[in-house]
Amino acid sequence: MKIEILDEAEKDIAIGVHFYESQSEGLGKYFLNSIFSDIESLHIYGGIHIVISDYYRLLSKRFPFSMYYKMSNKTIYIYAVLDCRKKPSWIQERLS
């Protein structure tokens, strides 16, 4: 199965890296590695997650972030990587 991270999701990841790196040197890199590890798990577990607003939602194992994805043919498309601490209404609007 192929995984494609769309531009908006890449921006979301970059924002997260910047935030965590500003908290502590090296934490941004750890965040990035953790998120990519979670995304790589979709090769095995893609399609088993809860569906929210027509997207599957994968919760990160180490950070309060969720990956929202869809599956089409043999490709998984990552649409968003969002901070779960945001207001639910903001997350819902972002996914619309």
N, C-alpha and C. Protein backbone atom coordinates (compact mmCIF):
# COMPACT_ATOMS: atom_id res chain seq x y z
N MET A 1 0.85 -1.17 0.00
CA MET A 1 0.00 0.00 0.00
C MET A 1 0.89 1.24 0.00
N LYS A 2 0.58 2.19 -0.84
CA LYS A 2 1.33 3.44 -0.96
C LYS A 2 0.69 4.48 -0.03
N ILE A 3 1.52 5.31 0.60
CA ILE A 3 1.02 6.39 1.46
C ILE A 3 1.46 7.72 0.86
N GLU A 4 0.51 8.63 0.69
CA GLU A 4 0.80 9.95 0.15
C GLU A 4 0.36 11.01 1.16
N ILE A 5 1.30 11.85 1.56
CA ILE A 5 1.01 12.95 2.49
C ILE A 5 0.75 14.19 1.64
N LEU A 6 -0.47 14.71 1.73
CA LEU A 6 -0.85 15.86 0.92
C LEU A 6 -0.25 17.14 1.50
N ASP A 7 -0.23 18.20 0.67
CA ASP A 7 0.43 19.45 1.04
C ASP A 7 -0.05 20.03 2.37
N GLU A 8 -1.36 20.05 2.59
CA GLU A 8 -1.89 20.61 3.84
C GLU A 8 -1.40 19.82 5.04
N ALA A 9 -1.33 18.52 4.91
CA ALA A 9 -0.85 17.69 6.01
C ALA A 9 0.64 17.94 6.26
N GLU A 10 1.40 18.16 5.19
CA GLU A 10 2.82 18.49 5.36
C GLU A 10 2.98 19.80 6.12
N LYS A 11 2.12 20.77 5.82
CA LYS A 11 2.15 22.04 6.55
C LYS A 11 1.81 21.83 8.02
N ASP A 12 0.82 20.99 8.28
CA ASP A 12 0.44 20.68 9.67
C ASP A 12 1.62 20.09 10.43
N ILE A 13 2.34 19.18 9.79
CA ILE A 13 3.49 18.53 10.42
C ILE A 13 4.58 19.56 10.69
N ALA A 14 4.83 20.44 9.73
CA ALA A 14 5.85 21.47 9.90
C ALA A 14 5.52 22.40 11.07
N ILE A 15 4.24 22.74 11.21
CA ILE A 15 3.81 23.58 12.34
C ILE A 15 4.08 22.86 13.66
N GLY A 16 3.76 21.57 13.71
CA GLY A 16 4.02 20.78 14.92
C GLY A 16 5.50 20.70 15.25
N VAL A 17 6.33 20.48 14.23
CA VAL A 17 7.78 20.42 14.44
C VAL A 17 8.27 21.74 15.01
N HIS A 18 7.83 22.84 14.43
CA HIS A 18 8.25 24.17 14.89
C HIS A 18 7.83 24.39 16.35
N PHE A 19 6.59 24.05 16.66
CA PHE A 19 6.09 24.22 18.03
C PHE A 19 6.94 23.44 19.03
N TYR A 20 7.15 22.15 18.77
CA TYR A 20 7.88 21.33 19.73
C TYR A 20 9.35 21.69 19.79
N GLU A 21 9.93 22.11 18.68
CA GLU A 21 11.33 22.52 18.69
C GLU A 21 11.50 23.80 19.51
N SER A 22 10.48 24.67 19.50
CA SER A 22 10.55 25.89 20.30
C SER A 22 10.41 25.60 21.80
N GLN A 23 9.86 24.43 22.13
CA GLN A 23 9.72 24.03 23.53
C GLN A 23 11.04 23.49 24.09
N SER A 24 11.72 22.70 23.26
CA SER A 24 12.98 22.09 23.69
C SER A 24 13.75 21.62 22.46
N GLU A 25 15.03 21.94 22.43
CA GLU A 25 15.85 21.55 21.29
C GLU A 25 15.85 20.03 21.12
N GLY A 26 15.58 19.60 19.91
CA GLY A 26 15.53 18.16 19.60
C GLY A 26 14.15 17.55 19.71
N LEU A 27 13.24 18.23 20.41
CA LEU A 27 11.89 17.69 20.57
C LEU A 27 11.13 17.73 19.25
N GLY A 28 11.40 18.72 18.41
CA GLY A 28 10.75 18.79 17.10
C GLY A 28 11.12 17.60 16.23
N LYS A 29 12.38 17.21 16.27
CA LYS A 29 12.83 16.04 15.50
C LYS A 29 12.18 14.77 16.04
N TYR A 30 12.07 14.67 17.35
CA TYR A 30 11.42 13.51 17.96
C TYR A 30 9.95 13.46 17.55
N PHE A 31 9.29 14.62 17.56
CA PHE A 31 7.90 14.71 17.10
C PHE A 31 7.78 14.20 15.66
N LEU A 32 8.65 14.71 14.78
CA LEU A 32 8.62 14.32 13.37
C LEU A 32 8.80 12.81 13.22
N ASN A 33 9.79 12.24 13.90
CA ASN A 33 10.02 10.79 13.82
C ASN A 33 8.82 10.01 14.33
N SER A 34 8.20 10.50 15.41
CA SER A 34 7.03 9.81 15.98
C SER A 34 5.85 9.84 15.02
N ILE A 35 5.60 10.99 14.42
CA ILE A 35 4.48 11.12 13.48
C ILE A 35 4.71 10.21 12.27
N PHE A 36 5.93 10.20 11.74
CA PHE A 36 6.19 9.33 10.59
C PHE A 36 6.09 7.85 10.96
N SER A 37 6.46 7.51 12.18
CA SER A 37 6.29 6.13 12.64
C SER A 37 4.81 5.76 12.68
N ASP A 38 3.98 6.69 13.20
CA ASP A 38 2.54 6.45 13.24
C ASP A 38 1.98 6.29 11.83
N ILE A 39 2.41 7.16 10.92
CA ILE A 39 1.93 7.09 9.54
C ILE A 39 2.36 5.79 8.88
N GLU A 40 3.59 5.36 9.13
CA GLU A 40 4.07 4.10 8.56
C GLU A 40 3.25 2.90 9.04
N SER A 41 2.68 3.00 10.24
CA SER A 41 1.86 1.90 10.76
C SER A 41 0.62 1.67 9.90
N LEU A 42 0.27 2.65 9.08
CA LEU A 42 -0.90 2.49 8.21
C LEU A 42 -0.69 1.40 7.16
N HIS A 43 0.56 1.05 6.87
CA HIS A 43 0.82 -0.07 5.96
C HIS A 43 0.17 -1.34 6.50
N ILE A 44 0.12 -1.46 7.80
CA ILE A 44 -0.46 -2.65 8.43
C ILE A 44 -1.91 -2.40 8.86
N TYR A 45 -2.16 -1.23 9.48
CA TYR A 45 -3.45 -0.99 10.13
C TYR A 45 -4.37 -0.03 9.38
N GLY A 46 -4.02 0.35 8.16
CA GLY A 46 -4.86 1.28 7.40
C GLY A 46 -6.29 0.77 7.23
N GLY A 47 -7.25 1.62 7.55
CA GLY A 47 -8.65 1.29 7.37
C GLY A 47 -9.35 0.74 8.59
N ILE A 48 -8.63 0.57 9.71
CA ILE A 48 -9.29 0.00 10.90
C ILE A 48 -9.70 1.07 11.90
N HIS A 49 -9.36 2.31 11.64
CA HIS A 49 -9.59 3.39 12.60
C HIS A 49 -11.01 3.94 12.52
N ILE A 50 -11.40 4.65 13.57
CA ILE A 50 -12.71 5.28 13.62
C ILE A 50 -12.84 6.30 12.48
N VAL A 51 -14.04 6.43 11.95
CA VAL A 51 -14.30 7.40 10.88
C VAL A 51 -14.92 8.64 11.50
N ILE A 52 -14.29 9.79 11.23
CA ILE A 52 -14.75 11.09 11.70
C ILE A 52 -14.86 12.00 10.47
N SER A 53 -16.04 12.53 10.22
CA SER A 53 -16.25 13.45 9.08
C SER A 53 -15.73 12.87 7.77
N ASP A 54 -16.01 11.62 7.51
CA ASP A 54 -15.62 10.91 6.29
C ASP A 54 -14.12 10.63 6.17
N TYR A 55 -13.36 10.82 7.25
CA TYR A 55 -11.94 10.50 7.27
C TYR A 55 -11.70 9.45 8.35
N TYR A 56 -10.75 8.57 8.08
CA TYR A 56 -10.26 7.70 9.15
C TYR A 56 -9.37 8.56 10.04
N ARG A 57 -9.43 8.31 11.36
CA ARG A 57 -8.60 9.08 12.29
C ARG A 57 -7.64 8.16 13.03
N LEU A 58 -6.37 8.39 12.83
CA LEU A 58 -5.30 7.66 13.52
C LEU A 58 -4.75 8.57 14.61
N LEU A 59 -4.80 8.12 15.86
CA LEU A 59 -4.24 8.89 16.96
C LEU A 59 -2.76 8.58 17.10
N SER A 60 -1.96 9.63 17.27
CA SER A 60 -0.53 9.45 17.48
C SER A 60 -0.31 8.75 18.83
N LYS A 61 0.71 7.92 18.89
CA LYS A 61 0.99 7.19 20.11
C LYS A 61 1.71 8.04 21.15
N ARG A 62 2.48 9.07 20.73
CA ARG A 62 3.31 9.81 21.67
C ARG A 62 2.94 11.27 21.85
N PHE A 63 2.19 11.83 20.93
CA PHE A 63 1.85 13.25 20.98
C PHE A 63 0.34 13.41 20.81
N PRO A 64 -0.22 14.52 21.28
CA PRO A 64 -1.68 14.71 21.16
C PRO A 64 -2.08 15.19 19.76
N PHE A 65 -1.77 14.39 18.77
CA PHE A 65 -2.07 14.70 17.38
C PHE A 65 -2.84 13.54 16.75
N SER A 66 -3.64 13.89 15.74
CA SER A 66 -4.39 12.89 14.97
C SER A 66 -4.08 13.05 13.50
N MET A 67 -3.97 11.94 12.81
CA MET A 67 -3.81 11.94 11.36
C MET A 67 -5.15 11.56 10.75
N TYR A 68 -5.61 12.35 9.82
CA TYR A 68 -6.88 12.11 9.14
C TYR A 68 -6.56 11.67 7.72
N TYR A 69 -7.09 10.50 7.33
CA TYR A 69 -6.73 9.94 6.03
C TYR A 69 -7.93 9.28 5.36
N LYS A 70 -7.77 9.08 4.06
CA LYS A 70 -8.74 8.33 3.26
C LYS A 70 -7.97 7.30 2.45
N MET A 71 -8.70 6.27 2.06
CA MET A 71 -8.09 5.21 1.26
C MET A 71 -8.78 5.15 -0.10
N SER A 72 -7.97 4.98 -1.14
CA SER A 72 -8.49 4.87 -2.49
C SER A 72 -7.60 3.91 -3.26
N ASN A 73 -8.20 2.88 -3.81
CA ASN A 73 -7.44 1.83 -4.50
C ASN A 73 -6.35 1.32 -3.58
N LYS A 74 -5.11 1.45 -3.95
CA LYS A 74 -4.02 0.95 -3.11
C LYS A 74 -3.18 2.10 -2.55
N THR A 75 -3.83 3.23 -2.32
CA THR A 75 -3.14 4.41 -1.79
C THR A 75 -3.88 4.96 -0.59
N ILE A 76 -3.12 5.35 0.41
CA ILE A 76 -3.65 6.05 1.59
C ILE A 76 -3.24 7.51 1.46
N TYR A 77 -4.22 8.40 1.52
CA TYR A 77 -3.96 9.83 1.42
C TYR A 77 -4.11 10.46 2.79
N ILE A 78 -3.04 11.09 3.29
CA ILE A 78 -3.08 11.80 4.56
C ILE A 78 -3.50 13.23 4.25
N TYR A 79 -4.67 13.62 4.76
CA TYR A 79 -5.22 14.94 4.49
C TYR A 79 -4.85 15.97 5.55
N ALA A 80 -4.72 15.55 6.80
CA ALA A 80 -4.45 16.49 7.87
C ALA A 80 -3.75 15.78 9.03
N VAL A 81 -2.90 16.53 9.73
CA VAL A 81 -2.25 16.07 10.95
C VAL A 81 -2.51 17.17 11.97
N LEU A 82 -3.49 16.96 12.83
CA LEU A 82 -4.02 18.04 13.66
C LEU A 82 -3.79 17.81 15.15
N ASP A 83 -3.58 18.91 15.83
CA ASP A 83 -3.40 18.93 17.29
C ASP A 83 -4.76 18.66 17.94
N CYS A 84 -4.86 17.62 18.73
CA CYS A 84 -6.12 17.25 19.38
C CYS A 84 -6.53 18.24 20.46
N ARG A 85 -5.63 19.14 20.85
CA ARG A 85 -5.96 20.12 21.89
C ARG A 85 -6.73 21.32 21.33
N LYS A 86 -6.88 21.37 20.02
CA LYS A 86 -7.67 22.45 19.40
C LYS A 86 -9.14 22.22 19.69
N LYS A 87 -9.92 23.29 19.55
CA LYS A 87 -11.37 23.18 19.74
C LYS A 87 -11.93 22.22 18.71
N PRO A 88 -12.86 21.36 19.12
CA PRO A 88 -13.47 20.44 18.17
C PRO A 88 -14.09 21.15 16.96
N SER A 89 -14.65 22.33 17.18
CA SER A 89 -15.25 23.08 16.06
C SER A 89 -14.18 23.49 15.05
N TRP A 90 -12.96 23.81 15.53
CA TRP A 90 -11.87 24.17 14.62
C TRP A 90 -11.45 22.94 13.80
N ILE A 91 -11.35 21.81 14.46
CA ILE A 91 -10.97 20.58 13.77
C ILE A 91 -12.03 20.23 12.71
N GLN A 92 -13.29 20.32 13.09
CA GLN A 92 -14.38 20.02 12.16
C GLN A 92 -14.34 20.95 10.95
N GLU A 93 -14.10 22.23 11.20
CA GLU A 93 -14.02 23.19 10.10
C GLU A 93 -12.82 22.90 9.19
N ARG A 94 -11.71 22.53 9.80
CA ARG A 94 -10.50 22.21 9.03
C ARG A 94 -10.72 21.01 8.12
N LEU A 95 -11.51 20.06 8.57
CA LEU A 95 -11.77 18.85 7.78
C LEU A 95 -12.82 19.05 6.72
N SER A 96 -13.55 20.16 6.78
CA SER A 96 -14.61 20.43 5.79
C SER A 96 -14.06 20.91 4.47
